[in-house]
Amino acid sequence: MIAPTKPDAVILADGSFPTHPIPLHLLHNARQLICCDAALFTLWQHDRRLVEEKVREGRLQAIGDGDSLRALRDRIPQDFLALLAPVLHEENEQEHNDLTKATRLLCTQVLPERPNATAEGGNEQRITVAYLGTTGKREDHTLGNIFLLPWHQHHYPITGTMYTDYGYFTAWHGDACLKTFVHQQLSIFNLSCTQMTSDGLRWQAYPFTELWQGTLNDCLGDEVRIHADGDYVVYQTYEAK
């Protein structure tokens, strides 16, 4: 198992609440935490002290159109609503989902001074983000969230990793060098590559034309190199098989 690095911020979506130690560690140690709408109430139910501590320290924000919270209003305690009021950024536009709104909030208000790169620029001082709670509950939300990763990295100065209870997704453009371990399971989802090769995988990567073609590969050592000319998403498991 490869331990995650410390990201600049954590964004918690309102999918299945994490239970694995890695995403839970990231959540509890977040330098900055942004919750998508009702995800803050879910977090408050799991760990009220954590929420109150991060609000008090000015390290927690919530964002969304408010629909999810309004749907829960009949069972939301007044003390939670009082806690929510000063940290909620309500946005009603429907072009983007709450995950994108949270990413935009992070880059424009929470850490606007952090990046020194344009949206389409290099990786200098890009904000590192851990996305949690992005899968589960609804499969269409899950797929949409996963494939927002490369879009976010093209449009905002971030480098994102999406952690689930089983592994993590990263988005890449061009060549990549991945830290791995023997028998870690790895899948590649090609989005726009017309050229792709790999070193360190049991089965050679190629410019897959179907999303399923690059799945369920096996790592041979502590590093995998992918040589490519476009966008793709990689999934790596926490445990060996």
C-alpha atoms as a PDB file:
ATOM      1  CA  MET A   1       0.000   0.000   0.000  1.00  0.00           C
ATOM      2  CA  ILE A   2       1.326   3.449  -0.928  1.00  0.00           C
ATOM      3  CA  ALA A   3       0.598   6.192   1.598  1.00  0.00           C
ATOM      4  CA  PRO A   4      -0.842   9.394   0.094  1.00  0.00           C
ATOM      5  CA  THR A   5       0.943  12.721   0.173  1.00  0.00           C
ATOM      6  CA  LYS A   6      -0.507  15.634   2.139  1.00  0.00           C
ATOM      7  CA  PRO A   7      -2.756  17.639  -0.220  1.00  0.00           C
ATOM      8  CA  ASP A   8      -3.350  21.373   0.014  1.00  0.00           C
ATOM      9  CA  ALA A   9      -7.087  20.741   0.345  1.00  0.00           C
ATOM     10  CA  VAL A  10      -9.750  18.052   0.624  1.00  0.00           C
ATOM     11  CA  ILE A  11     -13.120  18.216  -1.140  1.00  0.00           C
ATOM     12  CA  LEU A  12     -15.837  15.965   0.278  1.00  0.00           C
ATOM     13  CA  ALA A  13     -18.749  15.100  -2.024  1.00  0.00           C
ATOM     14  CA  ASP A  14     -22.073  13.626  -0.922  1.00  0.00           C
ATOM     15  CA  GLY A  15     -21.560  10.107  -2.249  1.00  0.00           C
ATOM     16  CA  SER A  16     -20.772   7.156  -0.025  1.00  0.00           C
ATOM     17  CA  PHE A  17     -19.008   8.404   3.091  1.00  0.00           C
ATOM     18  CA  PRO A  18     -15.437   6.997   3.249  1.00  0.00           C
ATOM     19  CA  THR A  19     -14.636   4.103   5.569  1.00  0.00           C
ATOM     20  CA  HIS A  20     -11.113   3.103   4.471  1.00  0.00           C
ATOM     21  CA  PRO A  21      -8.232   4.417   6.661  1.00  0.00           C
ATOM     22  CA  ILE A  22      -6.547   6.317   3.806  1.00  0.00           C
ATOM     23  CA  PRO A  23      -9.438   8.642   2.827  1.00  0.00           C
ATOM     24  CA  LEU A  24     -10.405   8.983   6.508  1.00  0.00           C
ATOM     25  CA  HIS A  25      -6.846  10.058   7.348  1.00  0.00           C
ATOM     26  CA  LEU A  26      -6.955  12.650   4.572  1.00  0.00           C
ATOM     27  CA  LEU A  27     -10.311  13.918   5.807  1.00  0.00           C
ATOM     28  CA  HIS A  28      -9.281  14.305   9.442  1.00  0.00           C
ATOM     29  CA  ASN A  29      -5.981  15.953   8.555  1.00  0.00           C
ATOM     30  CA  ALA A  30      -7.264  18.314   5.866  1.00  0.00           C
ATOM     31  CA  ARG A  31      -5.504  21.671   5.769  1.00  0.00           C
ATOM     32  CA  GLN A  32      -8.555  23.108   4.016  1.00  0.00           C
ATOM     33  CA  LEU A  33     -11.866  21.239   3.709  1.00  0.00           C
ATOM     34  CA  ILE A  34     -14.712  22.044   1.331  1.00  0.00           C
ATOM     35  CA  CYS A  35     -17.925  20.038   1.578  1.00  0.00           C
ATOM     36  CA  CYS A  36     -20.440  19.736  -1.232  1.00  0.00           C
ATOM     37  CA  ASP A  37     -23.867  20.735   0.092  1.00  0.00           C
ATOM     38  CA  ALA A  38     -25.334  17.914   2.230  1.00  0.00           C
ATOM     39  CA  ALA A  39     -21.921  16.236   2.601  1.00  0.00           C
ATOM     40  CA  LEU A  40     -21.273  18.628   5.482  1.00  0.00           C
ATOM     41  CA  PHE A  41     -24.302  17.289   7.353  1.00  0.00           C
ATOM     42  CA  THR A  42     -23.137  13.719   6.712  1.00  0.00           C
ATOM     43  CA  LEU A  43     -19.697  14.611   8.053  1.00  0.00           C
ATOM     44  CA  TRP A  44     -21.263  16.345  11.082  1.00  0.00           C
ATOM     45  CA  GLN A  45     -23.230  13.163  11.844  1.00  0.00           C
ATOM     46  CA  HIS A  46     -20.025  11.099  11.708  1.00  0.00           C
ATOM     47  CA  ASP A  47     -17.742  13.489  13.584  1.00  0.00           C
ATOM     48  CA  ARG A  48     -19.335  16.597  15.047  1.00  0.00           C
ATOM     49  CA  ARG A  49     -16.154  17.599  16.868  1.00  0.00           C
ATOM     50  CA  LEU A  50     -14.119  17.565  13.646  1.00  0.00           C
ATOM     51  CA  VAL A  51     -16.602  19.872  11.910  1.00  0.00           C
ATOM     52  CA  GLU A  52     -16.762  22.293  14.827  1.00  0.00           C
ATOM     53  CA  GLU A  53     -12.958  22.359  15.111  1.00  0.00           C
ATOM     54  CA  LYS A  54     -12.386  23.119  11.434  1.00  0.00           C
ATOM     55  CA  VAL A  55     -15.113  25.796  11.384  1.00  0.00           C
ATOM     56  CA  ARG A  56     -13.558  27.447  14.426  1.00  0.00           C
ATOM     57  CA  GLU A  57     -10.117  27.395  12.769  1.00  0.00           C
ATOM     58  CA  GLY A  58     -11.498  28.824   9.510  1.00  0.00           C
ATOM     59  CA  ARG A  59     -10.517  25.704   7.567  1.00  0.00           C
ATOM     60  CA  LEU A  60     -13.963  24.509   6.429  1.00  0.00           C
ATOM     61  CA  GLN A  61     -16.369  25.736   3.756  1.00  0.00           C
ATOM     62  CA  ALA A  62     -19.526  24.299   2.181  1.00  0.00           C
ATOM     63  CA  ILE A  63     -20.935  24.971  -1.268  1.00  0.00           C
ATOM     64  CA  GLY A  64     -23.916  24.010  -3.408  1.00  0.00           C
ATOM     65  CA  ASP A  65     -27.341  25.116  -4.553  1.00  0.00           C
ATOM     66  CA  GLY A  66     -28.856  24.157  -1.198  1.00  0.00           C
ATOM     67  CA  ASP A  67     -31.313  21.635  -2.667  1.00  0.00           C
ATOM     68  CA  SER A  68     -29.844  18.642  -0.837  1.00  0.00           C
ATOM     69  CA  LEU A  69     -29.865  20.441   2.495  1.00  0.00           C
ATOM     70  CA  ARG A  70     -33.397  21.723   1.987  1.00  0.00           C
ATOM     71  CA  ALA A  71     -34.522  18.151   1.306  1.00  0.00           C
ATOM     72  CA  LEU A  72     -33.129  17.200   4.733  1.00  0.00           C
ATOM     73  CA  ARG A  73     -34.432  20.250   6.589  1.00  0.00           C
ATOM     74  CA  ASP A  74     -37.050  18.340   8.590  1.00  0.00           C
ATOM     75  CA  ARG A  75     -34.306  16.295  10.285  1.00  0.00           C
ATOM     76  CA  ILE A  76     -31.479  18.835  10.495  1.00  0.00           C
ATOM     77  CA  PRO A  77     -30.956  20.125  14.063  1.00  0.00           C
ATOM     78  CA  GLN A  78     -30.920  23.862  14.684  1.00  0.00           C
ATOM     79  CA  ASP A  79     -27.401  23.773  16.109  1.00  0.00           C
ATOM     80  CA  PHE A  80     -26.137  22.381  12.806  1.00  0.00           C
ATOM     81  CA  LEU A  81     -27.925  25.108  10.837  1.00  0.00           C
ATOM     82  CA  ALA A  82     -26.305  27.727  13.052  1.00  0.00           C
ATOM     83  CA  LEU A  83     -22.918  26.150  12.379  1.00  0.00           C
ATOM     84  CA  LEU A  84     -23.618  26.015   8.633  1.00  0.00           C
ATOM     85  CA  ALA A  85     -24.736  29.611   8.126  1.00  0.00           C
ATOM     86  CA  PRO A  86     -21.317  31.354   8.145  1.00  0.00           C
ATOM     87  CA  VAL A  87     -19.543  28.758   5.963  1.00  0.00           C
ATOM     88  CA  LEU A  88     -22.147  28.013   3.249  1.00  0.00           C
ATOM     89  CA  HIS A  89     -21.565  29.476  -0.217  1.00  0.00           C
ATOM     90  CA  GLU A  90     -24.853  29.049  -2.059  1.00  0.00           C
ATOM     91  CA  GLU A  91     -24.679  28.916  -5.858  1.00  0.00           C
ATOM     92  CA  ASN A  92     -27.751  28.348  -7.978  1.00  0.00           C
ATOM     93  CA  GLU A  93     -26.214  27.966 -11.432  1.00  0.00           C
ATOM     94  CA  GLN A  94     -26.910  24.531 -12.919  1.00  0.00           C
ATOM     95  CA  GLU A  95     -24.248  24.295 -15.628  1.00  0.00           C
ATOM     96  CA  HIS A  96     -21.754  22.702 -13.223  1.00  0.00           C
ATOM     97  CA  ASN A  97     -22.199  20.199 -10.425  1.00  0.00           C
ATOM     98  CA  ASP A  98     -21.210  20.753  -6.786  1.00  0.00           C
ATOM     99  CA  LEU A  99     -17.821  19.064  -7.257  1.00  0.00           C
ATOM    100  CA  THR A 100     -16.842  21.644  -9.848  1.00  0.00           C
ATOM    101  CA  LYS A 101     -18.288  24.473  -7.755  1.00  0.00           C
ATOM    102  CA  ALA A 102     -16.179  23.304  -4.819  1.00  0.00           C
ATOM    103  CA  THR A 103     -13.057  23.181  -7.002  1.00  0.00           C
ATOM    104  CA  ARG A 104     -13.767  26.670  -8.321  1.00  0.00           C
ATOM    105  CA  LEU A 105     -14.323  27.983  -4.791  1.00  0.00           C
ATOM    106  CA  LEU A 106     -11.023  26.483  -3.697  1.00  0.00           C
ATOM    107  CA  CYS A 107      -9.096  28.162  -6.513  1.00  0.00           C
ATOM    108  CA  THR A 108     -10.788  31.573  -6.407  1.00  0.00           C
ATOM    109  CA  GLN A 109     -11.494  32.205  -2.707  1.00  0.00           C
ATOM    110  CA  VAL A 110      -9.994  29.627  -0.360  1.00  0.00           C
ATOM    111  CA  LEU A 111      -6.474  29.388  -1.818  1.00  0.00           C
ATOM    112  CA  PRO A 112      -6.376  32.046  -4.570  1.00  0.00           C
ATOM    113  CA  GLU A 113      -2.764  32.975  -3.793  1.00  0.00           C
ATOM    114  CA  ARG A 114      -1.495  29.371  -3.908  1.00  0.00           C
ATOM    115  CA  PRO A 115      -1.170  28.607  -7.624  1.00  0.00           C
ATOM    116  CA  ASN A 116       1.296  30.330  -9.908  1.00  0.00           C
ATOM    117  CA  ALA A 117       0.113  28.659 -13.089  1.00  0.00           C
ATOM    118  CA  THR A 118      -2.617  29.404 -15.579  1.00  0.00           C
ATOM    119  CA  ALA A 119      -5.405  26.891 -16.130  1.00  0.00           C
ATOM    120  CA  GLU A 120      -3.707  25.528 -19.239  1.00  0.00           C
ATOM    121  CA  GLY A 121      -0.169  26.127 -17.934  1.00  0.00           C
ATOM    122  CA  GLY A 122       2.433  23.931 -16.340  1.00  0.00           C
ATOM    123  CA  ASN A 123       2.461  22.219 -12.979  1.00  0.00           C
ATOM    124  CA  GLU A 124       4.252  24.997 -11.057  1.00  0.00           C
ATOM    125  CA  GLN A 125       2.636  25.385  -7.648  1.00  0.00           C
ATOM    126  CA  ARG A 126      -0.619  23.812  -8.704  1.00  0.00           C
ATOM    127  CA  ILE A 127      -3.045  23.178  -5.835  1.00  0.00           C
ATOM    128  CA  THR A 128      -3.101  19.507  -4.798  1.00  0.00           C
ATOM    129  CA  VAL A 129      -6.615  18.274  -4.047  1.00  0.00           C
ATOM    130  CA  ALA A 130      -7.928  15.029  -2.539  1.00  0.00           C
ATOM    131  CA  TYR A 131     -11.502  14.300  -3.631  1.00  0.00           C
ATOM    132  CA  LEU A 132     -13.480  12.061  -1.256  1.00  0.00           C
ATOM    133  CA  GLY A 133     -17.052  10.757  -1.268  1.00  0.00           C
ATOM    134  CA  THR A 134     -17.293  11.011  -5.054  1.00  0.00           C
ATOM    135  CA  THR A 135     -18.493   7.444  -5.710  1.00  0.00           C
ATOM    136  CA  GLY A 136     -21.406   5.313  -4.541  1.00  0.00           C
ATOM    137  CA  LYS A 137     -25.146   5.978  -4.204  1.00  0.00           C
ATOM    138  CA  ARG A 138     -25.662   6.730  -7.928  1.00  0.00           C
ATOM    139  CA  GLU A 139     -23.660   5.266 -10.785  1.00  0.00           C
ATOM    140  CA  ASP A 140     -24.193   8.253 -13.090  1.00  0.00           C
ATOM    141  CA  HIS A 141     -22.799  10.606 -10.436  1.00  0.00           C
ATOM    142  CA  THR A 142     -19.861   8.244  -9.950  1.00  0.00           C
ATOM    143  CA  LEU A 143     -18.934   8.189 -13.645  1.00  0.00           C
ATOM    144  CA  GLY A 144     -19.466  11.922 -14.037  1.00  0.00           C
ATOM    145  CA  ASN A 145     -17.266  12.706 -11.057  1.00  0.00           C
ATOM    146  CA  ILE A 146     -14.438  10.405 -12.161  1.00  0.00           C
ATOM    147  CA  PHE A 147     -14.240  11.951 -15.602  1.00  0.00           C
ATOM    148  CA  LEU A 148     -14.365  15.469 -14.193  1.00  0.00           C
ATOM    149  CA  LEU A 149     -10.786  14.885 -12.974  1.00  0.00           C
ATOM    150  CA  PRO A 150      -9.093  15.644 -16.327  1.00  0.00           C
ATOM    151  CA  TRP A 151     -11.540  18.480 -17.038  1.00  0.00           C
ATOM    152  CA  HIS A 152     -10.739  20.131 -13.697  1.00  0.00           C
ATOM    153  CA  GLN A 153      -7.027  19.866 -14.356  1.00  0.00           C
ATOM    154  CA  HIS A 154      -7.410  21.503 -17.759  1.00  0.00           C
ATOM    155  CA  HIS A 155      -9.554  24.363 -16.440  1.00  0.00           C
ATOM    156  CA  TYR A 156      -8.186  25.006 -12.940  1.00  0.00           C
ATOM    157  CA  PRO A 157      -4.620  25.127 -11.559  1.00  0.00           C
ATOM    158  CA  ILE A 158      -5.018  21.886  -9.588  1.00  0.00           C
ATOM    159  CA  THR A 159      -3.692  18.358  -9.465  1.00  0.00           C
ATOM    160  CA  GLY A 160      -6.460  16.103  -8.172  1.00  0.00           C
ATOM    161  CA  THR A 161      -6.575  12.578  -6.772  1.00  0.00           C
ATOM    162  CA  MET A 162      -9.923  10.891  -6.211  1.00  0.00           C
ATOM    163  CA  TYR A 163      -9.832   8.430  -3.292  1.00  0.00           C
ATOM    164  CA  THR A 164     -12.426   5.687  -2.771  1.00  0.00           C
ATOM    165  CA  ASP A 165     -12.586   2.861  -0.227  1.00  0.00           C
ATOM    166  CA  TYR A 166     -10.678   0.596  -2.629  1.00  0.00           C
ATOM    167  CA  GLY A 167      -8.175   2.741  -4.512  1.00  0.00           C
ATOM    168  CA  TYR A 168      -7.595   6.072  -6.196  1.00  0.00           C
ATOM    169  CA  PHE A 169      -8.006   7.788  -9.570  1.00  0.00           C
ATOM    170  CA  THR A 170      -5.574  10.245 -11.143  1.00  0.00           C
ATOM    171  CA  ALA A 171      -5.779  12.144 -14.438  1.00  0.00           C
ATOM    172  CA  TRP A 172      -2.864  12.525 -16.837  1.00  0.00           C
ATOM    173  CA  HIS A 173      -1.909  14.205 -20.076  1.00  0.00           C
ATOM    174  CA  GLY A 174       1.076  12.832 -21.961  1.00  0.00           C
ATOM    175  CA  ASP A 175       3.780  10.823 -20.217  1.00  0.00           C
ATOM    176  CA  ALA A 176       3.397   9.676 -16.587  1.00  0.00           C
ATOM    177  CA  CYS A 177       5.551   7.961 -13.980  1.00  0.00           C
ATOM    178  CA  LEU A 178       3.457   6.192 -11.330  1.00  0.00           C
ATOM    179  CA  LYS A 179       4.563   4.842  -7.957  1.00  0.00           C
ATOM    180  CA  THR A 180       3.344   1.251  -7.694  1.00  0.00           C
ATOM    181  CA  PHE A 181       4.064  -2.068  -5.955  1.00  0.00           C
ATOM    182  CA  VAL A 182       4.153  -5.686  -7.062  1.00  0.00           C
ATOM    183  CA  HIS A 183       0.665  -6.991  -7.923  1.00  0.00           C
ATOM    184  CA  GLN A 184      -1.011  -3.639  -7.420  1.00  0.00           C
ATOM    185  CA  GLN A 185      -3.985  -3.627  -9.777  1.00  0.00           C
ATOM    186  CA  LEU A 186      -4.047  -0.759 -12.274  1.00  0.00           C
ATOM    187  CA  SER A 187      -6.541   0.329 -14.915  1.00  0.00           C
ATOM    188  CA  ILE A 188      -6.120   2.899 -17.684  1.00  0.00           C
ATOM    189  CA  PHE A 189      -9.091   4.714 -19.217  1.00  0.00           C
ATOM    190  CA  ASN A 190      -8.008   6.312 -22.482  1.00  0.00           C
ATOM    191  CA  LEU A 191      -9.803   9.541 -23.367  1.00  0.00           C
ATOM    192  CA  SER A 192      -7.905  11.071 -26.279  1.00  0.00           C
ATOM    193  CA  CYS A 193      -4.581   9.261 -26.815  1.00  0.00           C
ATOM    194  CA  THR A 194      -3.709   8.059 -30.301  1.00  0.00           C
ATOM    195  CA  GLN A 195      -0.340   6.773 -29.064  1.00  0.00           C
ATOM    196  CA  MET A 196       0.262   4.868 -25.808  1.00  0.00           C
ATOM    197  CA  THR A 197       2.858   2.401 -24.525  1.00  0.00           C
ATOM    198  CA  SER A 198       3.892   1.339 -21.014  1.00  0.00           C
ATOM    199  CA  ASP A 199       6.755  -0.050 -18.934  1.00  0.00           C
ATOM    200  CA  GLY A 200       6.174  -2.004 -15.724  1.00  0.00           C
ATOM    201  CA  LEU A 201       2.782  -3.565 -16.483  1.00  0.00           C
ATOM    202  CA  ARG A 202       2.052  -7.239 -17.062  1.00  0.00           C
ATOM    203  CA  TRP A 203       0.121  -6.379 -20.233  1.00  0.00           C
ATOM    204  CA  GLN A 204       1.412  -3.655 -22.523  1.00  0.00           C
ATOM    205  CA  ALA A 205      -0.733  -0.530 -22.814  1.00  0.00           C
ATOM    206  CA  TYR A 206      -1.812   0.667 -26.252  1.00  0.00           C
ATOM    207  CA  PRO A 207      -4.140   3.446 -27.465  1.00  0.00           C
ATOM    208  CA  PHE A 208      -7.319   1.759 -26.247  1.00  0.00           C
ATOM    209  CA  THR A 209     -10.454   2.597 -28.208  1.00  0.00           C
ATOM    210  CA  GLU A 210     -12.896   1.307 -25.567  1.00  0.00           C
ATOM    211  CA  LEU A 211     -12.954   2.265 -21.881  1.00  0.00           C
ATOM    212  CA  TRP A 212     -12.903  -1.375 -20.721  1.00  0.00           C
ATOM    213  CA  GLN A 213      -9.815  -2.347 -22.724  1.00  0.00           C
ATOM    214  CA  GLY A 214      -7.247  -0.902 -20.311  1.00  0.00           C
ATOM    215  CA  THR A 215      -8.747  -2.242 -17.108  1.00  0.00           C
ATOM    216  CA  LEU A 216      -7.487  -4.873 -14.632  1.00  0.00           C
ATOM    217  CA  ASN A 217      -3.778  -4.735 -15.384  1.00  0.00           C
ATOM    218  CA  ASP A 218      -1.078  -5.888 -12.939  1.00  0.00           C
ATOM    219  CA  CYS A 219       2.016  -3.951 -11.766  1.00  0.00           C
ATOM    220  CA  LEU A 220       5.378  -5.735 -11.858  1.00  0.00           C
ATOM    221  CA  GLY A 221       7.411  -3.491  -9.546  1.00  0.00           C
ATOM    222  CA  ASP A 222       7.647  -0.124  -7.794  1.00  0.00           C
ATOM    223  CA  GLU A 223       7.160   2.030 -10.879  1.00  0.00           C
ATOM    224  CA  VAL A 224       5.019   2.152 -14.003  1.00  0.00           C
ATOM    225  CA  ARG A 225       5.782   4.501 -16.883  1.00  0.00           C
ATOM    226  CA  ILE A 226       3.142   5.411 -19.439  1.00  0.00           C
ATOM    227  CA  HIS A 227       4.113   7.110 -22.688  1.00  0.00           C
ATOM    228  CA  ALA A 228       1.150   8.805 -24.334  1.00  0.00           C
ATOM    229  CA  ASP A 229       0.090  11.816 -26.382  1.00  0.00           C
ATOM    230  CA  GLY A 230      -3.286  12.713 -24.859  1.00  0.00           C
ATOM    231  CA  ASP A 231      -5.591  12.513 -21.845  1.00  0.00           C
ATOM    232  CA  TYR A 232      -6.305   9.413 -19.759  1.00  0.00           C
ATOM    233  CA  VAL A 233      -7.401   8.435 -16.246  1.00  0.00           C
ATOM    234  CA  VAL A 234      -5.585   5.835 -14.117  1.00  0.00           C
ATOM    235  CA  TYR A 235      -7.025   3.798 -11.251  1.00  0.00           C
ATOM    236  CA  GLN A 236      -4.748   2.061  -8.696  1.00  0.00           C
ATOM    237  CA  THR A 237      -5.818  -0.196  -5.846  1.00  0.00           C
ATOM    238  CA  TYR A 238      -4.636   0.113  -2.243  1.00  0.00           C
ATOM    239  CA  GLU A 239      -4.059  -3.625  -1.898  1.00  0.00           C
ATOM    240  CA  ALA A 240      -2.201  -6.186  -3.998  1.00  0.00           C
ATOM    241  CA  LYS A 241      -4.045  -9.067  -5.575  1.00  0.00           C
END
